[in-house]
Protein backbone atom coordinates (compact mmCIF):
# COMPACT_ATOMS: atom_id res chain seq x y z
CA UNK A 1 29.77 -15.72 9.15
CA UNK A 2 27.33 -13.00 9.65
CA UNK A 3 23.48 -12.80 10.21
CA UNK A 4 21.88 -10.75 7.27
CA UNK A 5 22.54 -6.86 7.71
CA UNK A 6 24.89 -7.54 10.54
CA UNK A 7 27.75 -5.56 8.98
CA UNK A 8 25.44 -2.26 8.94
CA UNK A 9 24.36 -3.19 12.10
CA UNK A 10 27.81 -2.95 13.52
CA UNK A 11 28.97 -0.33 11.88
CA UNK A 12 26.05 1.26 13.37
CA UNK A 13 26.79 0.08 17.06
CA UNK A 14 30.39 1.82 17.00
CA UNK A 15 29.03 5.02 15.24
CA UNK A 16 26.61 5.06 18.31
CA UNK A 17 29.05 4.05 21.01
CA UNK A 18 32.34 6.15 20.79
CA UNK A 19 32.86 6.48 24.79
CA UNK A 20 31.58 4.65 28.28
CA UNK A 21 28.82 7.36 28.48
CA UNK A 22 27.42 6.95 25.31
CA UNK A 23 27.53 2.50 25.47
CA UNK A 24 25.33 2.86 29.05
CA UNK A 25 22.51 3.88 26.43
CA UNK A 26 22.90 0.25 24.79
CA UNK A 27 20.13 -1.92 25.24
CA UNK A 28 20.20 -5.27 24.06
CA UNK A 29 16.45 -7.10 23.59
CA UNK A 30 15.92 -10.93 22.93
CA UNK A 31 12.86 -12.39 21.56
CA UNK A 32 12.07 -15.55 19.96
CA UNK A 33 10.03 -13.70 17.43
CA UNK A 34 8.76 -10.37 16.75
CA UNK A 35 5.98 -9.85 14.54
CA UNK A 36 2.93 -7.14 14.57
CA UNK A 37 0.43 -10.40 15.41
CA UNK A 38 0.34 -12.21 18.70
CA UNK A 39 0.72 -11.43 22.62
CA UNK A 40 4.70 -12.29 22.41
CA UNK A 41 6.07 -11.12 18.89
CA UNK A 42 3.83 -7.58 19.19
CA UNK A 43 5.39 -7.54 22.82
CA UNK A 44 9.21 -7.58 21.37
CA UNK A 45 8.48 -5.11 18.70
CA UNK A 46 6.68 -2.69 20.82
CA UNK A 47 9.36 -3.17 23.82
CA UNK A 48 12.18 -2.40 21.41
CA UNK A 49 10.58 0.72 20.18
CA UNK A 50 9.87 1.47 23.36
CA UNK A 51 13.41 2.13 24.27
CA UNK A 52 14.39 3.31 21.07
CA UNK A 53 11.85 6.35 21.40
CA UNK A 54 13.68 6.57 25.30
CA UNK A 55 17.11 7.21 23.82
CA UNK A 56 18.50 3.79 23.70
CA UNK A 57 20.51 2.48 21.22
CA UNK A 58 18.65 -0.85 20.45
CA UNK A 59 19.96 -4.34 18.88
CA UNK A 60 16.87 -6.97 18.57
CA UNK A 61 18.29 -10.08 18.86
CA UNK A 62 15.31 -12.68 17.26
CA UNK A 63 15.37 -16.36 16.19
CA UNK A 64 13.24 -15.92 13.94
CA UNK A 65 13.73 -13.66 10.70
CA UNK A 66 11.04 -10.91 11.02
CA UNK A 67 8.23 -10.43 7.91
CA UNK A 68 9.57 -7.37 5.68
CA UNK A 69 7.21 -5.18 6.80
CA UNK A 70 7.92 -5.79 10.87
CA UNK A 71 11.79 -5.01 9.92
CA UNK A 72 11.27 -2.11 7.58
CA UNK A 73 9.13 -0.66 10.80
CA UNK A 74 11.92 -1.74 13.32
CA UNK A 75 14.43 -0.22 10.73
CA UNK A 76 13.05 2.93 10.77
CA UNK A 77 12.34 3.13 14.09
CA UNK A 78 16.11 2.68 14.93
CA UNK A 79 16.26 -0.52 16.29
CA UNK A 80 19.37 -2.42 15.09
CA UNK A 81 17.87 -6.05 14.19
CA UNK A 82 20.47 -9.30 14.72
CA UNK A 83 18.90 -12.82 13.33
CA UNK A 84 20.93 -16.15 13.26
CA UNK A 85 22.76 -16.88 9.44
CA UNK A 86 21.48 -20.60 9.53
CA UNK A 87 17.59 -20.49 9.17
CA UNK A 88 16.99 -23.94 9.39
CA UNK A 89 16.59 -27.01 11.07
CA UNK A 90 15.46 -27.21 15.00
CA UNK A 91 17.45 -29.85 16.20
CA UNK A 92 19.36 -29.19 19.10
CA UNK A 93 17.73 -25.86 19.48
CA UNK A 94 20.44 -24.69 16.89
CA UNK A 95 18.83 -21.36 16.08
CA UNK A 96 18.23 -20.44 19.58
CA UNK A 97 21.81 -21.48 20.82
CA UNK A 98 22.93 -18.94 17.90
CA UNK A 99 21.18 -16.07 18.33
CA UNK A 100 22.30 -15.96 22.05
CA UNK A 101 25.69 -16.83 21.30
CA UNK A 102 25.68 -13.53 19.18
CA UNK A 103 24.50 -11.38 22.13
CA UNK A 104 27.15 -13.01 24.26
CA UNK A 105 29.78 -12.10 22.19
CA UNK A 106 28.33 -8.90 21.16
CA UNK A 107 28.22 -7.69 25.19
CA UNK A 108 31.94 -9.06 25.41
CA UNK A 109 32.34 -6.40 22.59
CA UNK A 110 29.87 -3.35 22.98
CA UNK A 111 28.66 -4.01 27.11
CA UNK A 112 25.07 -3.02 27.03
CA UNK A 113 23.67 -1.59 29.71
CA UNK A 114 21.04 -4.47 30.01
CA UNK A 115 19.62 -7.15 28.11
CA UNK A 116 15.80 -7.59 27.93
CA UNK A 117 14.25 -10.91 27.35
CA UNK A 118 10.73 -11.02 26.28
CA UNK A 119 9.71 -14.16 27.48
CA UNK A 120 10.88 -16.67 29.94
CA UNK A 121 12.03 -18.81 26.77
CA UNK A 122 14.87 -21.15 25.49
CA UNK A 123 16.40 -18.05 24.37
CA UNK A 124 16.67 -17.17 28.17
CA UNK A 125 17.64 -20.09 29.19
CA UNK A 126 20.62 -20.24 27.20
CA UNK A 127 21.55 -16.84 27.94
CA UNK A 128 21.71 -17.09 31.59
CA UNK A 129 24.03 -20.28 31.23
CA UNK A 130 26.77 -17.82 29.97
CA UNK A 131 29.39 -16.09 32.29
CA UNK A 132 29.89 -12.36 32.06
CA UNK A 133 26.88 -10.94 31.17
CA UNK A 134 25.34 -7.78 31.64
CA UNK A 135 22.21 -7.34 34.21
CA UNK A 136 19.53 -9.78 32.49
CA UNK A 137 15.87 -8.94 33.03
CA UNK A 138 13.31 -11.74 31.89
CA UNK A 139 10.03 -10.26 31.60
CA UNK A 140 7.28 -12.66 32.55
CA UNK A 141 4.44 -12.52 29.79
CA UNK A 142 2.32 -15.64 30.32
CA UNK A 143 0.18 -16.40 33.62
CA UNK A 144 3.16 -18.16 35.29
CA UNK A 145 0.99 -21.19 36.48
CA UNK A 146 2.62 -24.76 36.09
CA UNK A 147 0.32 -25.99 33.98
CA UNK A 148 0.20 -23.70 31.13
CA UNK A 149 2.34 -24.85 28.14
CA UNK A 150 4.60 -22.24 27.63
CA UNK A 151 6.19 -22.42 30.85
CA UNK A 152 9.98 -23.63 30.54
CA UNK A 153 10.52 -25.45 33.71
CA UNK A 154 14.01 -25.94 33.10
CA UNK A 155 14.85 -21.99 33.11
CA UNK A 156 14.19 -22.08 37.42
CA UNK A 157 17.15 -23.43 38.22
CA UNK A 158 18.79 -20.39 36.46
CA UNK A 159 17.02 -17.56 36.94
CA UNK A 160 19.02 -16.75 40.48
CA UNK A 161 21.30 -15.37 37.56
CA UNK A 162 18.72 -12.16 36.37
CA UNK A 163 18.65 -8.58 37.90
CA UNK A 164 15.29 -8.86 38.42
CA UNK A 165 12.28 -10.35 37.09
CA UNK A 166 9.94 -8.47 35.25
CA UNK A 167 5.50 -9.07 35.40
CA UNK A 168 2.79 -7.78 34.43
CA UNK A 169 0.99 -7.52 37.06
CA UNK A 170 1.07 -8.60 40.89
CA UNK A 171 -0.99 -11.65 40.39
CA UNK A 172 1.57 -13.02 37.72
CA UNK A 173 4.65 -12.04 40.36
CA UNK A 174 2.83 -14.15 42.83
CA UNK A 175 2.11 -17.02 40.75
CA UNK A 176 6.06 -16.65 39.38
CA UNK A 177 7.42 -16.94 43.11
CA UNK A 178 5.59 -20.02 43.04
CA UNK A 179 6.41 -21.67 39.92
CA UNK A 180 9.53 -20.91 39.45
CA UNK A 181 10.61 -20.86 43.49
CA UNK A 182 12.13 -17.46 42.29
CA UNK A 183 13.43 -15.45 45.57
CA UNK A 184 14.73 -12.38 43.69
CA UNK A 185 13.39 -9.19 42.88
CA UNK A 186 10.24 -8.61 41.07
CA UNK A 187 9.55 -5.58 39.75
CA UNK A 188 6.00 -4.52 37.69
CA UNK A 189 5.82 -4.12 34.15
CA UNK A 190 2.21 -4.25 32.41
CA UNK A 191 2.21 -4.58 28.76
CA UNK A 192 1.29 -1.83 26.65
CA UNK A 193 -0.25 -1.34 22.73
CA UNK A 194 0.14 1.01 20.12
CA UNK A 195 -2.51 4.35 20.44
CA UNK A 196 -4.59 3.81 17.19
CA UNK A 197 -4.60 6.07 14.15
CA UNK A 198 -7.68 7.14 14.80
CA UNK A 199 -10.78 6.23 17.04
CA UNK A 200 -13.78 5.11 15.40
CA UNK A 201 -17.37 6.45 16.71
CA UNK A 202 -18.84 4.46 18.69
CA UNK A 203 -22.00 3.32 16.67
CA UNK A 204 -24.65 0.88 17.73
CA UNK A 205 -23.64 -2.76 16.86
CA UNK A 206 -24.81 -6.15 17.23
CA UNK A 207 -21.18 -7.73 16.31
CA UNK A 208 -19.12 -8.71 18.92
CA UNK A 209 -15.42 -9.83 17.95
CA UNK A 210 -12.42 -12.29 19.21
CA UNK A 211 -8.91 -11.28 18.41
CA UNK A 212 -6.44 -13.72 19.46
CA UNK A 213 -4.49 -16.88 18.72
CA UNK A 214 -6.69 -19.81 17.48
CA UNK A 215 -6.17 -22.33 20.68
CA UNK A 216 -8.77 -24.55 22.50
CA UNK A 217 -7.03 -23.05 25.85
CA UNK A 218 -8.87 -19.49 24.59
CA UNK A 219 -12.20 -21.13 25.57
CA UNK A 220 -13.83 -21.23 22.06
CA UNK A 221 -15.70 -24.11 23.04
CA UNK A 222 -17.58 -22.13 25.77
CA UNK A 223 -17.52 -19.09 23.58
CA UNK A 224 -19.43 -20.49 20.91
CA UNK A 225 -21.81 -22.22 23.07
CA UNK A 226 -22.74 -19.02 24.80
CA UNK A 227 -22.99 -16.97 21.40
CA UNK A 228 -25.50 -19.91 20.51
CA UNK A 229 -27.48 -19.09 23.45
CA UNK A 230 -27.55 -15.22 22.07
CA UNK A 231 -27.98 -15.65 18.81
CA UNK A 232 -31.52 -17.72 19.86
CA UNK A 233 -32.14 -14.51 21.46
CA UNK A 234 -30.58 -12.00 19.21
CA UNK A 235 -30.73 -13.68 16.09
CA UNK A 236 -29.28 -10.72 14.29
CA UNK A 237 -26.28 -10.61 16.48
CA UNK A 238 -22.99 -11.82 14.94
CA UNK A 239 -19.57 -13.03 16.26
CA UNK A 240 -16.43 -12.46 14.08
CA UNK A 241 -13.31 -14.78 15.42
CA UNK A 242 -10.16 -13.63 13.82
CA UNK A 243 -6.93 -15.47 14.62
CA UNK A 244 -3.79 -18.13 13.70
CA UNK A 245 -3.36 -20.91 14.99
CA UNK A 246 -5.33 -24.39 14.97
CA UNK A 247 -8.17 -23.15 12.30
CA UNK A 248 -9.49 -26.47 11.46
CA UNK A 249 -9.79 -27.08 15.75
CA UNK A 250 -11.89 -23.60 15.32
CA UNK A 251 -14.05 -24.10 12.75
CA UNK A 252 -14.89 -27.40 13.48
CA UNK A 253 -16.21 -26.14 16.66
CA UNK A 254 -17.83 -23.40 15.24
CA UNK A 255 -19.60 -25.40 12.43
CA UNK A 256 -23.66 -25.21 11.99
CA UNK A 257 -23.54 -21.72 14.31
CA UNK A 258 -25.79 -19.35 12.22
CA UNK A 259 -23.76 -15.65 12.96
CA UNK A 260 -19.88 -16.84 13.80
CA UNK A 261 -17.19 -16.11 10.87
CA UNK A 262 -13.93 -17.41 11.11
CA UNK A 263 -11.24 -15.94 9.30
CA UNK A 264 -7.56 -15.24 9.36
CA UNK A 265 -5.40 -12.52 11.62
CA UNK A 266 -6.15 -8.82 10.95
CA UNK A 267 -3.56 -5.99 11.01
CA UNK A 268 -3.50 -2.48 9.74
CA UNK A 269 -7.04 -1.26 8.09
CA UNK A 270 -8.83 -4.53 8.04
CA UNK A 271 -8.00 -4.61 12.14
CA UNK A 272 -9.43 -1.03 12.08
CA UNK A 273 -12.88 -2.25 10.34
CA UNK A 274 -13.27 -5.08 12.92
CA UNK A 275 -12.83 -2.89 15.79
CA UNK A 276 -15.34 0.17 14.23
CA UNK A 277 -17.94 -2.74 13.79
CA UNK A 278 -18.17 -4.42 16.89
CA UNK A 279 -19.77 -3.66 19.89
CA UNK A 280 -17.36 -5.32 22.21
CA UNK A 281 -14.44 -7.55 22.25
CA UNK A 282 -14.73 -10.26 23.93
CA UNK A 283 -12.17 -12.57 25.22
CA UNK A 284 -13.09 -16.12 27.66
CA UNK A 285 -9.56 -17.51 27.73
CA UNK A 286 -8.84 -20.47 30.38
CA UNK A 287 -5.73 -18.74 31.60
CA UNK A 288 -3.96 -15.26 29.98
CA UNK A 289 -1.07 -13.41 31.12
CA UNK A 290 -1.87 -9.85 30.29
CA UNK A 291 -3.89 -9.74 27.03
CA UNK A 292 -2.99 -7.03 24.01
CA UNK A 293 -5.93 -7.54 22.22
CA UNK A 294 -8.47 -6.50 25.19
CA UNK A 295 -6.02 -3.15 25.78
CA UNK A 296 -6.36 -2.70 21.80
CA UNK A 297 -10.42 -2.46 22.20
CA UNK A 298 -9.72 -0.13 25.38
CA UNK A 299 -7.80 2.11 23.36
CA UNK A 300 -10.88 2.29 20.29
CA UNK A 301 -13.62 3.11 23.03
CA UNK A 302 -14.89 -0.38 22.79
CA UNK A 303 -15.84 -2.15 25.86
CA UNK A 304 -14.49 -5.59 26.54
CA UNK A 305 -15.93 -9.56 27.96
CA UNK A 306 -13.34 -11.21 29.47
CA UNK A 307 -12.72 -14.33 32.01
CA UNK A 308 -11.23 -13.98 35.59
CA UNK A 309 -8.19 -15.29 34.45
CA UNK A 310 -4.09 -13.87 35.11
CA UNK A 311 -3.90 -10.16 34.87
CA UNK A 312 -7.47 -9.41 33.72
CA UNK A 313 -9.34 -9.11 37.17
CA UNK A 314 -6.64 -6.24 38.05
CA UNK A 315 -6.84 -4.63 35.54
CA UNK A 316 -10.55 -4.58 34.84
CA UNK A 317 -12.18 -5.07 37.80
CA UNK A 318 -14.59 -2.91 38.63
CA UNK A 319 -14.65 -0.73 35.60
CA UNK A 320 -17.95 -0.11 33.32
CA UNK A 321 -16.38 -0.53 30.27
CA UNK A 322 -15.80 -4.63 31.38
CA UNK A 323 -18.05 -7.23 32.04
CA UNK A 324 -15.98 -10.20 33.61
CA UNK A 325 -17.06 -13.70 33.95
CA UNK A 326 -15.73 -17.10 35.32
CA UNK A 327 -14.03 -19.13 33.29
CA UNK A 328 -15.82 -22.48 31.51
CA UNK A 329 -19.26 -20.32 32.06
CA UNK A 330 -21.32 -20.10 28.66
CA UNK A 331 -24.48 -18.62 30.63
CA UNK A 332 -22.35 -15.89 32.29
CA UNK A 333 -20.81 -15.31 29.31
CA UNK A 334 -24.12 -15.04 27.41
CA UNK A 335 -25.44 -12.93 29.62
CA UNK A 336 -23.14 -10.16 29.27
CA UNK A 337 -22.88 -10.19 25.98
CA UNK A 338 -26.81 -9.86 25.67
CA UNK A 339 -26.58 -7.14 28.69
CA UNK A 340 -24.55 -4.87 26.09
CA UNK A 341 -26.91 -5.32 23.61
CA UNK A 342 -29.41 -3.97 25.79
CA UNK A 343 -27.33 -1.06 27.07
CA UNK A 344 -29.26 2.55 26.59
CA UNK A 345 -27.21 4.94 24.76
CA UNK A 346 -25.79 6.97 27.92
CA UNK A 347 -24.34 3.74 29.24
CA UNK A 348 -23.02 2.46 25.93
CA UNK A 349 -21.45 5.97 26.02
CA UNK A 350 -20.30 5.54 29.48
CA UNK A 351 -18.56 2.31 29.09
CA UNK A 352 -17.24 3.93 25.95
CA UNK A 353 -15.81 6.80 28.23
CA UNK A 354 -14.03 4.39 30.41
CA UNK A 355 -12.45 2.18 28.17
CA UNK A 356 -10.45 5.30 26.44
CA UNK A 357 -9.52 6.18 29.87
CA UNK A 358 -8.25 2.87 31.06
CA UNK A 359 -6.22 2.70 27.99
CA UNK A 360 -4.75 6.56 29.34
CA UNK A 361 -4.40 4.94 32.52
CA UNK A 362 -2.83 1.96 31.31
CA UNK A 363 -1.34 1.94 28.09
CA UNK A 364 -0.81 5.61 26.69
CA UNK A 365 2.66 6.83 25.27
CA UNK A 366 3.50 8.69 28.41
CA UNK A 367 2.57 5.95 30.73
CA UNK A 368 4.45 3.54 28.73
CA UNK A 369 7.65 6.24 28.92
CA UNK A 370 7.25 6.77 32.82
CA UNK A 371 7.23 3.02 33.91
CA UNK A 372 10.61 2.50 31.09
CA UNK A 373 12.11 5.09 32.77
CA UNK A 374 11.90 3.67 36.26
CA UNK A 375 13.31 0.89 35.18
CA UNK A 376 15.64 1.96 32.83
CA UNK A 377 17.13 5.46 33.46
């Protein structure tokens, strides 16, 4: 039994790998999910697309079947998508084991140059238990601290089989050393985002936006407390909260607070409208890896307010486009919001210019190409 589209993918792979030299341009990417929304799913999509743009023949092995729009986008960029033939049932990690088994069999047959795993997931753990594999690169995209719920403690004993651990920043690399007790090579591979279709003008606004997962670890209790303080001083201020996850819990925390709107996640034109209508993006997380929503804000010349967790200080410290505050500090968060609302026009433009410069330095297509060419020549 083969996954949907598998025959076409195999045929493409045979056509693209006529000799050993061509075979070395074959790259496998392993992920739990791939999507336009969410840090890990979006990172998987961006990684597959970027490797394809470098000339690799990319096969993406993903446990959950992508939505039609994401699948069409990947296919149009030359990425072959492989999903499990059985898509129901979670006992014994059946879906994860299936996709890893297919990858392993294809690796024996097609001999890719490497396997890139987006995240230290159950899929990665099962992959590391199999013999005769090409070099495996594990991309840690969480904060890599023991208390983070996305950490798989069982993977540590198998990580010695990886060619390298890829960390999004130096602080994540240090966390991973301690958390996983990993003594192998670690290389830095920051995350990136797509350039925007158009950069919105920096029109003054009294609105703030949160874009991300509806998880209480994102600091919603402190965000809403801070906004209530802001609204008491600036009754015209607004806060738009967009995301997916535990929506009832987020709505309960926001209940009775004027100026706060909670809505579903946005993408495409709706996402661009959110950025165009906000003064800044706010991310009050209690822990973070390398948040993509902040880079997306920078790409659109929007300043950010964020907490000093994960990679955020390493990326945004001493940048005029960023106001950083301690986690769990509602008064400091409110003060940062009020600071941006009080900025004069030259200061606003300076922040916008710095945000655009940060995006070019950290996430431009040319920068991403340089990063990946150094890692996967």
